[in-house]
Amino acid sequence: MIKKHLLVLNTGSSSLKFAIFEVDKSLGKEILSGGISLLAGKSVLTYKKTKINIATAYNLKTWWNYLEEILANYDIRYVGFRMVHGGEEFTNTVKINKQFFNKIKKYNKLAPLHNPVSLELMSLVKDTWPRIKMSASFDTAWYQDLKPEVYLYSLPSKFYKQDKIRKYGFHGLSHEMATKYAAKSLHKKINKFKAVTCHLGSGSSLTWYIDGKVKDTTMGFSPNEGLTMSTRSGDIPASIVFFLADELKMPLIKIKQLLNNKSGLLGLANMADLRDILLAAGYRVPGYKNKRKFSKIDRQQAKLALGVYVYDIRRYLASYVGMSKKLDAIVFTGAVGINSPIIRRMVMRNIVKPKGCRILIAPEGEINNLAEKTYKCLLKK
């Protein structure tokens, strides 16, 4: 008997991750995973123990053509997509159909680096398998219970009512899985669980969760809010944008590129990879090597960038911890949160934890969470 398979696709602005799961009367085990990402401006496909250099930079259609060859060996019946932004409208995983496409397009302007990429990939998949069943799960859905005093900005109310300018929150699939993992690990019911989850990677965010509902999160109207990230600035005063435009005569498109792609760790240290910054700052990074010889200026800039990066995390974490009467756990996840004990120690230094609060590490769970949501939407009756 040929086994049926479920495929999940997780697109970033410059990456594409995939995983294949067996499906029957329940969601089975993951049998293959991999991804395509940019490395030094070139595309690299990685799966199993194989690395394939693709002769283009970022090109989603070419990337999908390479994946098609791999996927041809499996009986793919169902596909689940991660979407960054679902606005206030999409708070659950939904089936992808004509009605969905008509409704979702208006959110492209709220996530211009991510949503259009997901929609393009959906079209490519549909062209390959016209009768395939597909669903979309949203990062913003985890934050549907935010209260108005948390999600509203101090702007005239018409900008929310007419244009939906508000805090949305992102990395929801990761924060949700980290929360559920930690609650299960501590034998707590999810609706009685209290935690701060810290998703630390090239993009980073914290989420404050109390008794079944998200209370706050560091990302807001866009993923470029909150913490210092690899290339994103995080929080900056609006007056800086005015200064760049008025005094330095910087065009709006250049300001967008600056804040999203040329700031953060890259802007502070001329290095976007936190592992390089740790090495330059004098720390060991087990399993990672870089032949680059760091100059005195490199080392100084790396130490400064590291200080800014850690301080941003600590100021938000201390805020959430300070507002919690009780906290069961502080949970680290994401590539940095899981793999860097140095960063975890720096973040937690002198943070006063409530009595009984545990420090936990949750495995990266976006893919598994996406698979479970896809299965429930498309198969479970």
Protein backbone atom coordinates (compact mmCIF):
# COMPACT_ATOMS: atom_id res chain seq x y z
CA MET A 1 0.00 0.00 0.00
CA ILE A 2 1.41 3.38 -1.05
CA LYS A 3 1.54 5.78 1.88
CA LYS A 4 0.04 9.24 1.55
CA HIS A 5 2.13 12.24 2.48
CA LEU A 6 1.62 15.74 3.82
CA LEU A 7 4.03 18.50 2.82
CA VAL A 8 4.62 21.68 4.81
CA LEU A 9 6.31 24.73 3.32
CA ASN A 10 7.75 27.56 5.38
CA THR A 11 8.87 30.54 3.31
CA GLY A 12 10.96 33.44 4.49
CA SER A 13 12.00 36.53 2.58
CA SER A 14 15.12 34.66 1.44
CA SER A 15 14.59 31.02 2.43
CA LEU A 16 12.30 28.05 1.89
CA LYS A 17 12.04 25.17 4.36
CA PHE A 18 10.11 21.97 3.73
CA ALA A 19 9.16 18.78 5.53
CA ILE A 20 7.25 15.66 4.52
CA PHE A 21 5.08 13.69 6.95
CA GLU A 22 3.30 10.37 6.59
CA VAL A 23 -0.47 10.56 7.03
CA ASP A 24 -3.11 7.93 7.66
CA LYS A 25 -5.70 7.97 10.42
CA SER A 26 -3.38 10.35 12.24
CA LEU A 27 -0.39 12.55 11.48
CA GLY A 28 2.61 10.26 11.20
CA LYS A 29 6.34 10.79 11.52
CA GLU A 30 8.44 13.27 9.60
CA ILE A 31 10.31 11.34 6.90
CA LEU A 32 12.24 14.09 5.13
CA SER A 33 13.07 17.74 5.70
CA GLY A 34 15.38 20.32 4.25
CA GLY A 35 15.50 23.78 2.79
CA ILE A 36 16.93 26.27 0.38
CA SER A 37 18.66 29.38 1.65
CA LEU A 38 21.01 32.08 0.49
CA LEU A 39 24.66 31.67 1.43
CA ALA A 40 27.01 34.44 0.32
CA GLY A 41 24.51 35.49 -2.34
CA LYS A 42 24.08 31.99 -3.78
CA SER A 43 21.28 29.47 -3.30
CA VAL A 44 22.03 26.23 -1.46
CA LEU A 45 19.61 23.28 -1.24
CA THR A 46 20.14 21.07 1.80
CA TYR A 47 18.37 17.81 2.62
CA LYS A 48 19.44 14.57 4.26
CA LYS A 49 23.24 14.90 4.07
CA THR A 50 23.16 16.46 0.62
CA LYS A 51 24.10 20.00 -0.35
CA ILE A 52 23.35 21.27 -3.85
CA ASN A 53 24.52 24.64 -5.10
CA ILE A 54 21.86 26.26 -7.28
CA ALA A 55 23.14 28.48 -10.06
CA THR A 56 20.96 31.45 -9.12
CA ALA A 57 20.54 33.85 -6.24
CA TYR A 58 16.98 34.18 -4.92
CA ASN A 59 14.45 32.85 -7.45
CA LEU A 60 11.38 31.15 -6.00
CA LYS A 61 10.33 29.45 -9.23
CA THR A 62 13.78 27.91 -9.69
CA TRP A 63 13.83 26.85 -6.06
CA TRP A 64 10.44 25.14 -6.45
CA ASN A 65 11.63 23.32 -9.59
CA TYR A 66 14.47 21.79 -7.57
CA LEU A 67 12.10 20.76 -4.79
CA GLU A 68 9.70 19.22 -7.31
CA GLU A 69 12.34 16.67 -8.32
CA ILE A 70 12.74 15.58 -4.69
CA LEU A 71 9.00 15.54 -3.99
CA ALA A 72 8.26 13.42 -7.09
CA ASN A 73 9.27 10.35 -5.04
CA TYR A 74 6.40 10.87 -2.60
CA ASP A 75 2.62 10.72 -2.84
CA ILE A 76 1.91 14.29 -1.76
CA ARG A 77 -1.82 14.76 -1.11
CA TYR A 78 -1.87 17.72 1.27
CA VAL A 79 0.20 20.91 1.58
CA GLY A 80 0.34 23.37 4.47
CA PHE A 81 1.84 26.84 4.17
CA ARG A 82 3.08 29.22 6.82
CA MET A 83 1.90 32.77 6.26
CA VAL A 84 3.31 35.65 8.28
CA HIS A 85 0.28 37.94 8.25
CA GLY A 86 -3.41 37.18 8.47
CA GLY A 87 -4.51 40.51 9.93
CA GLU A 88 -7.50 40.42 12.28
CA GLU A 89 -9.45 38.26 9.85
CA PHE A 90 -7.50 34.99 9.79
CA THR A 91 -7.20 33.65 13.32
CA ASN A 92 -7.28 29.94 12.46
CA THR A 93 -5.78 27.66 9.83
CA VAL A 94 -7.92 27.86 6.68
CA LYS A 95 -8.35 25.96 3.43
CA ILE A 96 -6.86 27.63 0.38
CA ASN A 97 -9.39 28.34 -2.36
CA LYS A 98 -10.52 31.21 -4.59
CA GLN A 99 -12.26 32.91 -1.69
CA PHE A 100 -9.06 32.77 0.35
CA PHE A 101 -6.97 34.31 -2.45
CA ASN A 102 -9.48 37.13 -2.85
CA LYS A 103 -9.36 37.97 0.87
CA ILE A 104 -5.68 37.51 1.66
CA LYS A 105 -4.22 39.81 -0.99
CA LYS A 106 -5.10 42.95 0.94
CA TYR A 107 -2.62 41.95 3.65
CA ASN A 108 0.35 42.06 1.27
CA LYS A 109 0.90 45.70 2.20
CA LEU A 110 1.20 44.73 5.88
CA ALA A 111 3.89 42.09 5.23
CA PRO A 112 5.44 43.04 1.87
CA LEU A 113 8.57 40.91 2.38
CA HIS A 114 6.71 37.72 3.28
CA ASN A 115 3.05 37.39 2.24
CA PRO A 116 3.58 37.91 -1.53
CA VAL A 117 6.27 35.20 -1.46
CA SER A 118 3.87 32.75 0.19
CA LEU A 119 1.15 33.54 -2.36
CA GLU A 120 3.59 33.04 -5.24
CA LEU A 121 4.60 29.67 -3.82
CA MET A 122 0.95 28.63 -3.44
CA SER A 123 0.42 29.36 -7.14
CA LEU A 124 3.50 27.33 -8.08
CA VAL A 125 2.30 24.37 -6.02
CA LYS A 126 -1.19 24.61 -7.52
CA ASP A 127 0.30 24.64 -11.03
CA THR A 128 2.24 21.47 -10.20
CA TRP A 129 -0.65 19.66 -8.49
CA PRO A 130 -3.96 21.25 -9.65
CA ARG A 131 -6.11 19.05 -7.39
CA ILE A 132 -3.97 19.20 -4.26
CA LYS A 133 -5.60 20.17 -0.96
CA MET A 134 -3.88 23.14 0.67
CA SER A 135 -4.16 25.18 3.86
CA ALA A 136 -2.54 28.27 5.37
CA SER A 137 -1.54 28.88 8.99
CA PHE A 138 -0.73 32.35 10.29
CA ASP A 139 1.97 33.72 12.60
CA THR A 140 -0.37 36.49 13.70
CA ALA A 141 -3.11 34.09 14.87
CA TRP A 142 -1.35 33.38 18.20
CA TYR A 143 -1.97 37.00 19.21
CA GLN A 144 -5.72 37.19 18.62
CA ASP A 145 -6.41 37.73 22.34
CA LEU A 146 -4.34 40.90 22.76
CA LYS A 147 -6.34 43.63 24.45
CA PRO A 148 -6.85 47.07 22.83
CA GLU A 149 -4.60 48.79 25.38
CA VAL A 150 -1.83 46.47 24.22
CA TYR A 151 -2.36 46.42 20.45
CA LEU A 152 -3.32 50.05 19.82
CA TYR A 153 -0.72 52.72 19.09
CA SER A 154 -1.17 56.29 20.36
CA LEU A 155 -2.35 57.60 17.02
CA PRO A 156 -5.73 59.08 16.01
CA SER A 157 -8.22 56.22 16.11
CA LYS A 158 -9.08 56.59 12.42
CA PHE A 159 -5.75 54.98 11.48
CA TYR A 160 -6.80 51.80 13.26
CA LYS A 161 -10.41 51.86 12.14
CA GLN A 162 -9.67 52.63 8.49
CA ASP A 163 -6.15 51.25 7.92
CA LYS A 164 -5.82 48.61 10.67
CA ILE A 165 -2.60 50.10 12.03
CA ARG A 166 -2.05 48.17 15.26
CA LYS A 167 0.25 45.67 16.93
CA TYR A 168 -0.15 42.21 15.37
CA GLY A 169 2.78 40.13 16.64
CA PHE A 170 4.81 37.56 14.71
CA HIS A 171 6.73 34.28 15.16
CA GLY A 172 3.40 32.97 16.47
CA LEU A 173 3.83 29.38 15.28
CA SER A 174 7.17 29.19 17.11
CA HIS A 175 5.95 30.85 20.32
CA GLU A 176 2.84 28.66 20.38
CA MET A 177 4.85 25.45 20.08
CA ALA A 178 7.38 26.60 22.70
CA THR A 179 4.55 27.41 25.11
CA LYS A 180 2.86 24.02 24.63
CA TYR A 181 6.19 22.18 24.91
CA ALA A 182 7.04 23.93 28.18
CA ALA A 183 3.59 23.39 29.68
CA LYS A 184 3.74 19.69 28.85
CA SER A 185 7.28 19.40 30.24
CA LEU A 186 6.15 20.89 33.55
CA HIS A 187 2.88 18.90 33.60
CA LYS A 188 0.80 22.08 33.52
CA LYS A 189 -2.53 22.65 31.81
CA ILE A 190 -2.07 25.12 28.99
CA ASN A 191 -4.90 27.35 30.26
CA LYS A 192 -3.20 27.59 33.65
CA PHE A 193 0.33 28.05 32.36
CA LYS A 194 2.35 31.27 32.73
CA ALA A 195 5.50 31.92 30.70
CA VAL A 196 7.67 34.25 28.70
CA THR A 197 8.84 32.63 25.46
CA CYS A 198 12.00 33.94 23.80
CA HIS A 199 12.36 33.19 20.08
CA LEU A 200 15.93 34.18 19.28
CA GLY A 201 17.27 33.76 15.74
CA SER A 202 18.07 36.04 12.82
CA GLY A 203 14.67 37.51 13.64
CA SER A 204 13.82 37.65 17.35
CA SER A 205 10.86 38.32 19.60
CA LEU A 206 9.53 37.71 23.10
CA THR A 207 5.95 36.80 24.02
CA TRP A 208 4.26 37.04 27.41
CA TYR A 209 1.66 34.31 27.99
CA ILE A 210 -0.66 34.02 31.00
CA ASP A 211 -3.37 31.41 31.60
CA GLY A 212 -4.29 30.56 28.04
CA LYS A 213 -3.85 33.99 26.46
CA VAL A 214 -1.02 36.06 25.04
CA LYS A 215 -0.72 39.29 27.02
CA ASP A 216 1.98 41.05 24.97
CA THR A 217 4.77 40.55 22.46
CA THR A 218 7.73 42.60 21.27
CA MET A 219 6.94 42.68 17.55
CA GLY A 220 4.12 44.95 16.47
CA PHE A 221 2.75 46.37 13.23
CA SER A 222 5.62 44.72 11.36
CA PRO A 223 8.37 42.19 12.15
CA ASN A 224 10.76 45.13 12.42
CA GLU A 225 9.81 46.17 15.94
CA GLY A 226 11.11 45.27 19.37
CA LEU A 227 14.50 43.60 19.64
CA THR A 228 17.73 44.24 17.76
CA MET A 229 17.96 41.49 15.10
CA SER A 230 20.45 40.32 12.49
CA THR A 231 19.65 43.03 9.94
CA ARG A 232 16.56 44.72 11.42
CA SER A 233 16.79 47.74 13.70
CA GLY A 234 14.02 46.84 16.11
CA ASP A 235 12.65 49.77 18.13
CA ILE A 236 13.80 53.21 17.01
CA PRO A 237 12.23 56.65 17.64
CA ALA A 238 10.09 58.05 14.83
CA SER A 239 12.24 61.20 14.96
CA ILE A 240 15.15 59.24 13.49
CA VAL A 241 13.08 58.45 10.40
CA PHE A 242 12.20 62.15 10.10
CA PHE A 243 15.87 63.09 10.41
CA LEU A 244 16.93 60.59 7.74
CA ALA A 245 14.29 61.94 5.38
CA ASP A 246 14.46 65.67 6.14
CA GLU A 247 18.09 66.31 7.01
CA LEU A 248 19.89 63.54 5.10
CA LYS A 249 17.41 63.59 2.19
CA MET A 250 17.18 59.81 2.19
CA PRO A 251 14.36 58.46 -0.03
CA LEU A 252 11.67 56.37 1.67
CA ILE A 253 12.71 53.20 -0.16
CA LYS A 254 16.28 53.66 1.12
CA ILE A 255 15.02 54.14 4.68
CA LYS A 256 13.02 50.89 4.40
CA GLN A 257 16.11 49.04 3.15
CA LEU A 258 18.22 50.58 5.90
CA LEU A 259 15.92 49.59 8.74
CA ASN A 260 15.07 46.10 7.43
CA ASN A 261 18.25 44.93 5.71
CA LYS A 262 21.22 47.03 6.82
CA SER A 263 20.66 47.67 10.52
CA GLY A 264 20.64 45.50 13.63
CA LEU A 265 23.82 43.49 14.21
CA LEU A 266 24.92 44.10 10.64
CA GLY A 267 24.70 47.85 11.09
CA LEU A 268 26.42 47.88 14.47
CA ALA A 269 29.21 45.38 13.78
CA ASN A 270 29.27 44.85 10.01
CA MET A 271 28.42 41.22 10.76
CA ALA A 272 24.88 39.79 10.64
CA ASP A 273 25.68 36.33 12.05
CA LEU A 274 25.64 36.33 15.84
CA ARG A 275 28.16 33.48 15.87
CA ASP A 276 30.72 35.70 14.12
CA ILE A 277 30.02 38.48 16.59
CA LEU A 278 30.54 36.12 19.53
CA LEU A 279 33.85 34.94 18.05
CA ALA A 280 35.00 38.50 17.42
CA ALA A 281 34.01 39.46 20.97
CA GLY A 282 36.25 36.71 22.33
CA TYR A 283 33.76 33.90 23.00
CA ARG A 284 33.98 30.29 21.83
CA VAL A 285 31.17 28.96 19.64
CA PRO A 286 31.30 25.13 19.72
CA GLY A 287 30.91 23.56 16.28
CA TYR A 288 31.34 26.81 14.38
CA LYS A 289 34.50 28.08 12.71
CA ASN A 290 35.33 31.23 10.80
CA LYS A 291 38.74 31.74 9.22
CA ARG A 292 38.33 35.49 9.25
CA LYS A 293 40.93 37.41 11.24
CA PHE A 294 39.22 40.06 13.31
CA SER A 295 40.84 43.48 13.65
CA LYS A 296 40.83 45.53 16.83
CA ILE A 297 37.95 47.60 15.44
CA ASP A 298 36.05 44.40 14.56
CA ARG A 299 36.41 43.21 18.15
CA GLN A 300 35.29 46.54 19.60
CA GLN A 301 32.27 46.76 17.32
CA ALA A 302 31.33 43.13 18.05
CA LYS A 303 31.38 43.72 21.82
CA LEU A 304 29.23 46.81 21.43
CA ALA A 305 26.73 45.07 19.13
CA LEU A 306 26.51 42.14 21.52
CA GLY A 307 25.82 44.52 24.39
CA VAL A 308 22.99 46.24 22.51
CA TYR A 309 21.53 42.91 21.38
CA VAL A 310 21.46 41.42 24.88
CA TYR A 311 20.24 44.61 26.55
CA ASP A 312 17.23 44.78 24.24
CA ILE A 313 16.21 41.25 25.19
CA ARG A 314 16.76 41.89 28.90
CA ARG A 315 14.73 45.11 29.04
CA TYR A 316 11.67 43.42 27.55
CA LEU A 317 12.14 40.23 29.56
CA ALA A 318 12.47 42.20 32.81
CA SER A 319 9.29 44.11 31.92
CA TYR A 320 7.25 40.96 31.36
CA VAL A 321 8.69 39.21 34.42
CA GLY A 322 8.05 42.30 36.54
CA MET A 323 4.37 42.40 35.54
CA SER A 324 3.86 38.72 36.38
CA LYS A 325 2.63 37.82 39.86
CA LYS A 326 3.67 34.27 39.09
CA LEU A 327 5.64 32.68 36.26
CA ASP A 328 6.11 28.99 35.56
CA ALA A 329 8.88 29.28 32.98
CA ILE A 330 11.10 31.41 30.81
CA VAL A 331 11.44 29.45 27.59
CA PHE A 332 14.17 29.84 24.95
CA THR A 333 13.71 28.67 21.37
CA GLY A 334 14.92 29.58 17.87
CA ALA A 335 18.41 28.88 16.52
CA VAL A 336 20.14 31.24 18.95
CA GLY A 337 17.91 30.51 21.93
CA ILE A 338 18.48 26.76 21.60
CA ASN A 339 22.14 26.63 20.59
CA SER A 340 23.79 29.48 22.49
CA PRO A 341 24.22 28.94 26.23
CA ILE A 342 26.39 32.09 26.27
CA ILE A 343 23.48 34.26 25.12
CA ARG A 344 21.08 32.57 27.55
CA ARG A 345 23.46 33.29 30.45
CA MET A 346 23.92 36.92 29.36
CA VAL A 347 20.16 37.42 29.06
CA MET A 348 19.36 35.88 32.44
CA ARG A 349 22.15 37.61 34.40
CA ASN A 350 20.59 39.36 37.43
CA ILE A 351 17.03 38.87 36.15
CA VAL A 352 14.96 38.32 39.30
CA LYS A 353 12.74 35.33 38.59
CA PRO A 354 9.51 34.68 40.50
CA LYS A 355 9.72 31.78 42.93
CA GLY A 356 9.47 28.42 41.16
CA CYS A 357 10.12 29.82 37.68
CA ARG A 358 12.08 27.38 35.48
CA ILE A 359 14.43 28.10 32.58
CA LEU A 360 13.62 25.76 29.67
CA ILE A 361 14.82 25.19 26.12
CA ALA A 362 12.15 24.24 23.58
CA PRO A 363 13.14 22.59 20.29
CA GLU A 364 12.27 24.51 17.14
CA GLY A 365 8.65 23.68 16.51
CA GLU A 366 7.32 25.78 13.63
CA ILE A 367 7.38 22.89 11.17
CA ASN A 368 5.68 20.39 13.50
CA ASN A 369 3.11 22.97 14.55
CA LEU A 370 2.41 23.75 10.91
CA ALA A 371 2.02 20.04 10.12
CA GLU A 372 -0.42 19.51 12.99
CA LYS A 373 -2.54 22.50 11.99
CA THR A 374 -2.55 21.39 8.35
CA TYR A 375 -3.65 17.87 9.32
CA LYS A 376 -6.49 19.16 11.52
CA CYS A 377 -7.70 21.53 8.81
CA LEU A 378 -7.53 19.18 5.83
CA LEU A 379 -7.99 15.67 7.22
CA LYS A 380 -9.39 15.55 10.73
CA LYS A 381 -13.17 15.16 10.84
